[in-house]
Amino acid sequence: MRGFVYGLTLATLFDRRFAKPFVRLATDERLRAIEALDRDPRYGVRQAMAALKMLACFAYFDAPAVRARFECGAAPATARGAAP
């Protein structure tokens, strides 16, 4: 996974439209870069983007505020103290 992240970070450096590493792009350029990489004709680049999206979702749903909002990991209501 780390290789995907590094590869996609540097991918924009070698793209003439951006010519900078992803972290040095402005917000609107980042969005354009993500969209361009997601539509790239090369299968490996699109798969790397899919892996990055999954990583972002894992990080997002690992945040305590998000987990509390969705009650992730909570036991079903019938098991929380209700008699069997």
PDB file of N, CA and C in Angstrom:
ATOM      1  N   MET A   1       0.817  -1.196   0.000  1.00  0.00           N
ATOM      2  CA  MET A   1       0.000   0.000   0.000  1.00  0.00           C
ATOM      3  C   MET A   1       0.862   1.261   0.000  1.00  0.00           C
ATOM      4  N   ARG A   2       1.912   1.231   0.765  1.00  0.00           N
ATOM      5  CA  ARG A   2       2.774   2.406   0.836  1.00  0.00           C
ATOM      6  C   ARG A   2       3.327   2.762  -0.537  1.00  0.00           C
ATOM      7  N   GLY A   3       3.643   1.745  -1.330  1.00  0.00           N
ATOM      8  CA  GLY A   3       4.144   1.975  -2.681  1.00  0.00           C
ATOM      9  C   GLY A   3       3.124   2.682  -3.560  1.00  0.00           C
ATOM     10  N   PHE A   4       1.837   2.311  -3.420  1.00  0.00           N
ATOM     11  CA  PHE A   4       0.777   2.984  -4.171  1.00  0.00           C
ATOM     12  C   PHE A   4       0.727   4.467  -3.810  1.00  0.00           C
ATOM     13  N   VAL A   5       0.794   4.747  -2.532  1.00  0.00           N
ATOM     14  CA  VAL A   5       0.710   6.138  -2.078  1.00  0.00           C
ATOM     15  C   VAL A   5       1.891   6.943  -2.614  1.00  0.00           C
ATOM     16  N   TYR A   6       3.103   6.407  -2.488  1.00  0.00           N
ATOM     17  CA  TYR A   6       4.275   7.119  -3.009  1.00  0.00           C
ATOM     18  C   TYR A   6       4.200   7.273  -4.523  1.00  0.00           C
ATOM     19  N   GLY A   7       3.780   6.231  -5.196  1.00  0.00           N
ATOM     20  CA  GLY A   7       3.689   6.287  -6.652  1.00  0.00           C
ATOM     21  C   GLY A   7       2.712   7.331  -7.135  1.00  0.00           C
ATOM     22  N   LEU A   8       1.545   7.392  -6.501  1.00  0.00           N
ATOM     23  CA  LEU A   8       0.554   8.381  -6.902  1.00  0.00           C
ATOM     24  C   LEU A   8       0.960   9.790  -6.498  1.00  0.00           C
ATOM     25  N   THR A   9       1.695   9.906  -5.404  1.00  0.00           N
ATOM     26  CA  THR A   9       2.195  11.222  -4.993  1.00  0.00           C
ATOM     27  C   THR A   9       3.163  11.773  -6.034  1.00  0.00           C
ATOM     28  N   LEU A  10       3.980  10.898  -6.580  1.00  0.00           N
ATOM     29  CA  LEU A  10       4.967  11.325  -7.571  1.00  0.00           C
ATOM     30  C   LEU A  10       4.436  11.317  -8.999  1.00  0.00           C
ATOM     31  N   ALA A  11       3.296  10.677  -9.237  1.00  0.00           N
ATOM     32  CA  ALA A  11       2.753  10.584 -10.589  1.00  0.00           C
ATOM     33  C   ALA A  11       2.502  11.956 -11.196  1.00  0.00           C
ATOM     34  N   THR A  12       2.044  12.896 -10.395  1.00  0.00           N
ATOM     35  CA  THR A  12       1.758  14.233 -10.927  1.00  0.00           C
ATOM     36  C   THR A  12       3.037  14.990 -11.282  1.00  0.00           C
ATOM     37  N   LEU A  13       4.141  14.594 -10.700  1.00  0.00           N
ATOM     38  CA  LEU A  13       5.429  15.224 -11.008  1.00  0.00           C
ATOM     39  C   LEU A  13       5.812  14.985 -12.467  1.00  0.00           C
ATOM     40  N   PHE A  14       5.467  13.826 -12.993  1.00  0.00           N
ATOM     41  CA  PHE A  14       5.828  13.462 -14.353  1.00  0.00           C
ATOM     42  C   PHE A  14       4.726  13.744 -15.372  1.00  0.00           C
ATOM     43  N   ASP A  15       3.643  14.348 -14.935  1.00  0.00           N
ATOM     44  CA  ASP A  15       2.547  14.721 -15.829  1.00  0.00           C
ATOM     45  C   ASP A  15       2.721  16.185 -16.216  1.00  0.00           C
ATOM     46  N   ARG A  16       2.785  16.468 -17.507  1.00  0.00           N
ATOM     47  CA  ARG A  16       3.024  17.847 -17.965  1.00  0.00           C
ATOM     48  C   ARG A  16       1.940  18.816 -17.517  1.00  0.00           C
ATOM     49  N   ARG A  17       0.730  18.330 -17.264  1.00  0.00           N
ATOM     50  CA  ARG A  17      -0.346  19.229 -16.825  1.00  0.00           C
ATOM     51  C   ARG A  17      -0.108  19.771 -15.423  1.00  0.00           C
ATOM     52  N   PHE A  18       0.643  19.032 -14.605  1.00  0.00           N
ATOM     53  CA  PHE A  18       0.828  19.424 -13.211  1.00  0.00           C
ATOM     54  C   PHE A  18       2.286  19.736 -12.883  1.00  0.00           C
ATOM     55  N   ALA A  19       3.202  18.866 -13.258  1.00  0.00           N
ATOM     56  CA  ALA A  19       4.655  19.048 -13.113  1.00  0.00           C
ATOM     57  C   ALA A  19       5.125  19.346 -11.686  1.00  0.00           C
ATOM     58  N   LYS A  20       4.357  18.915 -10.700  1.00  0.00           N
ATOM     59  CA  LYS A  20       4.736  19.054  -9.285  1.00  0.00           C
ATOM     60  C   LYS A  20       4.266  17.805  -8.557  1.00  0.00           C
ATOM     61  N   PRO A  21       4.901  17.483  -7.435  1.00  0.00           N
ATOM     62  CA  PRO A  21       4.370  16.374  -6.623  1.00  0.00           C
ATOM     63  C   PRO A  21       2.963  16.723  -6.128  1.00  0.00           C
ATOM     64  N   PHE A  22       2.167  15.726  -5.899  1.00  0.00           N
ATOM     65  CA  PHE A  22       0.775  15.924  -5.491  1.00  0.00           C
ATOM     66  C   PHE A  22       0.655  16.858  -4.293  1.00  0.00           C
ATOM     67  N   VAL A  23       1.520  16.705  -3.305  1.00  0.00           N
ATOM     68  CA  VAL A  23       1.415  17.505  -2.076  1.00  0.00           C
ATOM     69  C   VAL A  23       1.721  18.982  -2.308  1.00  0.00           C
ATOM     70  N   ARG A  24       2.341  19.333  -3.421  1.00  0.00           N
ATOM     71  CA  ARG A  24       2.661  20.737  -3.729  1.00  0.00           C
ATOM     72  C   ARG A  24       1.603  21.400  -4.600  1.00  0.00           C
ATOM     73  N   LEU A  25       0.581  20.658  -5.016  1.00  0.00           N
ATOM     74  CA  LEU A  25      -0.476  21.204  -5.866  1.00  0.00           C
ATOM     75  C   LEU A  25      -1.486  21.978  -5.038  1.00  0.00           C
ATOM     76  N   ALA A  26      -2.104  22.973  -5.666  1.00  0.00           N
ATOM     77  CA  ALA A  26      -3.203  23.708  -5.029  1.00  0.00           C
ATOM     78  C   ALA A  26      -4.417  22.780  -4.950  1.00  0.00           C
ATOM     79  N   THR A  27      -5.389  23.136  -4.147  1.00  0.00           N
ATOM     80  CA  THR A  27      -6.553  22.284  -3.917  1.00  0.00           C
ATOM     81  C   THR A  27      -7.279  21.945  -5.210  1.00  0.00           C
ATOM     82  N   ASP A  28      -7.538  22.934  -6.070  1.00  0.00           N
ATOM     83  CA  ASP A  28      -8.240  22.652  -7.320  1.00  0.00           C
ATOM     84  C   ASP A  28      -7.401  21.783  -8.254  1.00  0.00           C
ATOM     85  N   GLU A  29      -6.083  21.962  -8.240  1.00  0.00           N
ATOM     86  CA  GLU A  29      -5.200  21.120  -9.038  1.00  0.00           C
ATOM     87  C   GLU A  29      -5.194  19.681  -8.517  1.00  0.00           C
ATOM     88  N   ARG A  30      -5.257  19.524  -7.214  1.00  0.00           N
ATOM     89  CA  ARG A  30      -5.309  18.175  -6.628  1.00  0.00           C
ATOM     90  C   ARG A  30      -6.552  17.428  -7.090  1.00  0.00           C
ATOM     91  N   LEU A  31      -7.667  18.127  -7.078  1.00  0.00           N
ATOM     92  CA  LEU A  31      -8.911  17.502  -7.520  1.00  0.00           C
ATOM     93  C   LEU A  31      -8.809  17.099  -8.992  1.00  0.00           C
ATOM     94  N   ARG A  32      -8.286  17.972  -9.823  1.00  0.00           N
ATOM     95  CA  ARG A  32      -8.101  17.646 -11.241  1.00  0.00           C
ATOM     96  C   ARG A  32      -7.146  16.473 -11.413  1.00  0.00           C
ATOM     97  N   ALA A  33      -6.083  16.431 -10.613  1.00  0.00           N
ATOM     98  CA  ALA A  33      -5.112  15.337 -10.700  1.00  0.00           C
ATOM     99  C   ALA A  33      -5.755  14.008 -10.309  1.00  0.00           C
ATOM    100  N   ILE A  34      -6.537  14.008  -9.247  1.00  0.00           N
ATOM    101  CA  ILE A  34      -7.219  12.791  -8.814  1.00  0.00           C
ATOM    102  C   ILE A  34      -8.168  12.301  -9.904  1.00  0.00           C
ATOM    103  N   GLU A  35      -8.926  13.223 -10.493  1.00  0.00           N
ATOM    104  CA  GLU A  35      -9.849  12.845 -11.563  1.00  0.00           C
ATOM    105  C   GLU A  35      -9.092  12.321 -12.776  1.00  0.00           C
ATOM    106  N   ALA A  36      -7.968  12.950 -13.114  1.00  0.00           N
ATOM    107  CA  ALA A  36      -7.168  12.504 -14.257  1.00  0.00           C
ATOM    108  C   ALA A  36      -6.581  11.120 -14.003  1.00  0.00           C
ATOM    109  N   LEU A  37      -6.073  10.888 -12.814  1.00  0.00           N
ATOM    110  CA  LEU A  37      -5.506   9.575 -12.492  1.00  0.00           C
ATOM    111  C   LEU A  37      -6.581   8.494 -12.457  1.00  0.00           C
ATOM    112  N   ASP A  38      -7.771   8.864 -12.022  1.00  0.00           N
ATOM    113  CA  ASP A  38      -8.874   7.911 -11.958  1.00  0.00           C
ATOM    114  C   ASP A  38      -9.348   7.501 -13.356  1.00  0.00           C
ATOM    115  N   ARG A  39      -9.152   8.373 -14.344  1.00  0.00           N
ATOM    116  CA  ARG A  39      -9.553   8.077 -15.721  1.00  0.00           C
ATOM    117  C   ARG A  39      -8.371   7.666 -16.604  1.00  0.00           C
ATOM    118  N   ASP A  40      -7.217   7.462 -16.023  1.00  0.00           N
ATOM    119  CA  ASP A  40      -6.021   7.121 -16.781  1.00  0.00           C
ATOM    120  C   ASP A  40      -6.249   5.837 -17.593  1.00  0.00           C
ATOM    121  N   PRO A  41      -5.751   5.792 -18.823  1.00  0.00           N
ATOM    122  CA  PRO A  41      -5.963   4.593 -19.641  1.00  0.00           C
ATOM    123  C   PRO A  41      -5.190   3.367 -19.147  1.00  0.00           C
ATOM    124  N   ARG A  42      -4.189   3.575 -18.312  1.00  0.00           N
ATOM    125  CA  ARG A  42      -3.404   2.438 -17.806  1.00  0.00           C
ATOM    126  C   ARG A  42      -4.108   1.794 -16.614  1.00  0.00           C
ATOM    127  N   TYR A  43      -4.292   0.495 -16.725  1.00  0.00           N
ATOM    128  CA  TYR A  43      -4.996  -0.281 -15.702  1.00  0.00           C
ATOM    129  C   TYR A  43      -4.326  -0.154 -14.327  1.00  0.00           C
ATOM    130  N   GLY A  44      -3.016  -0.217 -14.279  1.00  0.00           N
ATOM    131  CA  GLY A  44      -2.295  -0.143 -13.012  1.00  0.00           C
ATOM    132  C   GLY A  44      -2.522   1.159 -12.273  1.00  0.00           C
ATOM    133  N   VAL A  45      -2.599   2.252 -13.011  1.00  0.00           N
ATOM    134  CA  VAL A  45      -2.844   3.562 -12.383  1.00  0.00           C
ATOM    135  C   VAL A  45      -4.255   3.600 -11.801  1.00  0.00           C
ATOM    136  N   ARG A  46      -5.223   3.106 -12.558  1.00  0.00           N
ATOM    137  CA  ARG A  46      -6.607   3.085 -12.046  1.00  0.00           C
ATOM    138  C   ARG A  46      -6.727   2.186 -10.821  1.00  0.00           C
ATOM    139  N   GLN A  47      -6.025   1.054 -10.811  1.00  0.00           N
ATOM    140  CA  GLN A  47      -6.055   0.163  -9.655  1.00  0.00           C
ATOM    141  C   GLN A  47      -5.389   0.810  -8.440  1.00  0.00           C
ATOM    142  N   ALA A  48      -4.323   1.545  -8.683  1.00  0.00           N
ATOM    143  CA  ALA A  48      -3.662   2.262  -7.585  1.00  0.00           C
ATOM    144  C   ALA A  48      -4.609   3.306  -6.995  1.00  0.00           C
ATOM    145  N   MET A  49      -5.382   3.966  -7.840  1.00  0.00           N
ATOM    146  CA  MET A  49      -6.357   4.938  -7.344  1.00  0.00           C
ATOM    147  C   MET A  49      -7.442   4.246  -6.523  1.00  0.00           C
ATOM    148  N   ALA A  50      -7.881   3.083  -6.963  1.00  0.00           N
ATOM    149  CA  ALA A  50      -8.889   2.337  -6.201  1.00  0.00           C
ATOM    150  C   ALA A  50      -8.338   1.952  -4.827  1.00  0.00           C
ATOM    151  N   ALA A  51      -7.083   1.536  -4.779  1.00  0.00           N
ATOM    152  CA  ALA A  51      -6.454   1.185  -3.496  1.00  0.00           C
ATOM    153  C   ALA A  51      -6.345   2.417  -2.600  1.00  0.00           C
ATOM    154  N   LEU A  52      -6.010   3.548  -3.187  1.00  0.00           N
ATOM    155  CA  LEU A  52      -5.899   4.786  -2.413  1.00  0.00           C
ATOM    156  C   LEU A  52      -7.258   5.207  -1.855  1.00  0.00           C
ATOM    157  N   LYS A  53      -8.310   5.024  -2.635  1.00  0.00           N
ATOM    158  CA  LYS A  53      -9.662   5.349  -2.156  1.00  0.00           C
ATOM    159  C   LYS A  53     -10.037   4.471  -0.958  1.00  0.00           C
ATOM    160  N   MET A  54      -9.700   3.190  -1.048  1.00  0.00           N
ATOM    161  CA  MET A  54      -9.989   2.293   0.076  1.00  0.00           C
ATOM    162  C   MET A  54      -9.221   2.718   1.323  1.00  0.00           C
ATOM    163  N   LEU A  55      -7.959   3.084   1.143  1.00  0.00           N
ATOM    164  CA  LEU A  55      -7.144   3.551   2.266  1.00  0.00           C
ATOM    165  C   LEU A  55      -7.758   4.793   2.901  1.00  0.00           C
ATOM    166  N   ALA A  56      -8.228   5.715   2.070  1.00  0.00           N
ATOM    167  CA  ALA A  56      -8.851   6.946   2.573  1.00  0.00           C
ATOM    168  C   ALA A  56     -10.117   6.624   3.363  1.00  0.00           C
ATOM    169  N   CYS A  57     -10.895   5.670   2.882  1.00  0.00           N
ATOM    170  CA  CYS A  57     -12.107   5.272   3.610  1.00  0.00           C
ATOM    171  C   CYS A  57     -11.765   4.641   4.953  1.00  0.00           C
ATOM    172  N   PHE A  58     -10.752   3.784   4.971  1.00  0.00           N
ATOM    173  CA  PHE A  58     -10.326   3.182   6.239  1.00  0.00           C
ATOM    174  C   PHE A  58      -9.914   4.260   7.231  1.00  0.00           C
ATOM    175  N   ALA A  59      -9.147   5.246   6.773  1.00  0.00           N
ATOM    176  CA  ALA A  59      -8.694   6.322   7.656  1.00  0.00           C
ATOM    177  C   ALA A  59      -9.870   7.158   8.138  1.00  0.00           C
ATOM    178  N   TYR A  60     -10.801   7.455   7.246  1.00  0.00           N
ATOM    179  CA  TYR A  60     -11.962   8.268   7.604  1.00  0.00           C
ATOM    180  C   TYR A  60     -12.807   7.575   8.666  1.00  0.00           C
ATOM    181  N   PHE A  61     -13.118   6.313   8.442  1.00  0.00           N
ATOM    182  CA  PHE A  61     -13.990   5.601   9.368  1.00  0.00           C
ATOM    183  C   PHE A  61     -13.268   5.151  10.637  1.00  0.00           C
ATOM    184  N   ASP A  62     -11.969   5.355  10.708  1.00  0.00           N
ATOM    185  CA  ASP A  62     -11.229   5.063  11.929  1.00  0.00           C
ATOM    186  C   ASP A  62     -11.274   6.236  12.907  1.00  0.00           C
ATOM    187  N   ALA A  63     -11.692   7.409  12.430  1.00  0.00           N
ATOM    188  CA  ALA A  63     -11.778   8.592  13.292  1.00  0.00           C
ATOM    189  C   ALA A  63     -12.874   8.387  14.341  1.00  0.00           C
ATOM    190  N   PRO A  64     -12.585   8.670  15.612  1.00  0.00           N
ATOM    191  CA  PRO A  64     -13.574   8.442  16.677  1.00  0.00           C
ATOM    192  C   PRO A  64     -14.905   9.156  16.452  1.00  0.00           C
ATOM    193  N   ALA A  65     -14.873  10.390  15.946  1.00  0.00           N
ATOM    194  CA  ALA A  65     -16.123  11.128  15.725  1.00  0.00           C
ATOM    195  C   ALA A  65     -16.983  10.456  14.662  1.00  0.00           C
ATOM    196  N   VAL A  66     -16.362   9.935  13.642  1.00  0.00           N
ATOM    197  CA  VAL A  66     -17.108   9.252  12.577  1.00  0.00           C
ATOM    198  C   VAL A  66     -17.656   7.933  13.091  1.00  0.00           C
ATOM    199  N   ARG A  67     -16.841   7.192  13.814  1.00  0.00           N
ATOM    200  CA  ARG A  67     -17.292   5.906  14.358  1.00  0.00           C
ATOM    201  C   ARG A  67     -18.472   6.118  15.306  1.00  0.00           C
ATOM    202  N   ALA A  68     -18.429   7.175  16.110  1.00  0.00           N
ATOM    203  CA  ALA A  68     -19.529   7.452  17.030  1.00  0.00           C
ATOM    204  C   ALA A  68     -20.801   7.818  16.255  1.00  0.00           C
ATOM    205  N   ARG A  69     -20.628   8.542  15.177  1.00  0.00           N
ATOM    206  CA  ARG A  69     -21.784   8.952  14.380  1.00  0.00           C
ATOM    207  C   ARG A  69     -22.502   7.754  13.787  1.00  0.00           C
ATOM    208  N   PHE A  70     -21.751   6.776  13.337  1.00  0.00           N
ATOM    209  CA  PHE A  70     -22.341   5.596  12.723  1.00  0.00           C
ATOM    210  C   PHE A  70     -22.459   4.418  13.688  1.00  0.00           C
ATOM    211  N   GLU A  71     -22.031   4.611  14.926  1.00  0.00           N
ATOM    212  CA  GLU A  71     -22.050   3.571  15.949  1.00  0.00           C
ATOM    213  C   GLU A  71     -21.381   2.293  15.464  1.00  0.00           C
ATOM    214  N   CYS A  72     -20.254   2.445  14.812  1.00  0.00           N
ATOM    215  CA  CYS A  72     -19.507   1.285  14.332  1.00  0.00           C
ATOM    216  C   CYS A  72     -19.014   0.459  15.516  1.00  0.00           C
ATOM    217  N   GLY A  73     -19.150  -0.798  15.425  1.00  0.00           N
ATOM    218  CA  GLY A  73     -18.653  -1.677  16.466  1.00  0.00           C
ATOM    219  C   GLY A  73     -19.589  -1.836  17.644  1.00  0.00           C
ATOM    220  N   ALA A  74     -20.714  -1.161  17.638  1.00  0.00           N
ATOM    221  CA  ALA A  74     -21.664  -1.288  18.741  1.00  0.00           C
ATOM    222  C   ALA A  74     -22.389  -2.618  18.634  1.00  0.00           C
ATOM    223  N   ALA A  75     -22.670  -3.183  19.759  1.00  0.00           N
ATOM    224  CA  ALA A  75     -23.394  -4.447  19.786  1.00  0.00           C
ATOM    225  C   ALA A  75     -24.853  -4.195  19.397  1.00  0.00           C
ATOM    226  N   PRO A  76     -25.518  -5.174  18.833  1.00  0.00           N
ATOM    227  CA  PRO A  76     -26.944  -5.010  18.498  1.00  0.00           C
ATOM    228  C   PRO A  76     -27.765  -4.677  19.748  1.00  0.00           C
ATOM    229  N   ALA A  77     -28.864  -4.006  19.582  1.00  0.00           N
ATOM    230  CA  ALA A  77     -29.693  -3.559  20.713  1.00  0.00           C
ATOM    231  C   ALA A  77     -30.140  -4.713  21.587  1.00  0.00           C
ATOM    232  N   THR A  78     -30.404  -5.848  21.008  1.00  0.00           N
ATOM    233  CA  THR A  78     -30.891  -6.985  21.809  1.00  0.00           C
ATOM    234  C   THR A  78     -29.805  -7.564  22.700  1.00  0.00           C
ATOM    235  N   ALA A  79     -28.537  -7.290  22.382  1.00  0.00           N
ATOM    236  CA  ALA A  79     -27.443  -7.860  23.169  1.00  0.00           C
ATOM    237  C   ALA A  79     -26.912  -6.886  24.207  1.00  0.00           C
ATOM    238  N   ARG A  80     -27.409  -5.646  24.229  1.00  0.00           N
ATOM    239  CA  ARG A  80     -26.890  -4.634  25.148  1.00  0.00           C
ATOM    240  C   ARG A  80     -27.582  -4.638  26.502  1.00  0.00           C
ATOM    241  N   GLY A  81     -27.768  -5.705  27.099  1.00  0.00           N
ATOM    242  CA  GLY A  81     -28.373  -5.712  28.428  1.00  0.00           C
ATOM    243  C   GLY A  81     -29.797  -6.259  28.422  1.00  0.00           C
ATOM    244  N   ALA A  82     -30.334  -6.569  27.277  1.00  0.00           N
ATOM    245  CA  ALA A  82     -31.675  -7.140  27.228  1.00  0.00           C
ATOM    246  C   ALA A  82     -31.585  -8.621  27.603  1.00  0.00           C
ATOM    247  N   ALA A  83     -32.590  -9.082  28.240  1.00  0.00           N
ATOM    248  CA  ALA A  83     -32.629 -10.509  28.609  1.00  0.00           C
ATOM    249  C   ALA A  83     -32.824 -11.352  27.368  1.00  0.00           C
ATOM    250  N   PRO A  84     -32.186 -12.515  27.317  1.00  0.00           N
ATOM    251  CA  PRO A  84     -32.331 -13.382  26.124  1.00  0.00           C
ATOM    252  C   PRO A  84     -33.714 -13.960  25.988  1.00  0.00           C
TER     253      PRO A  84
END
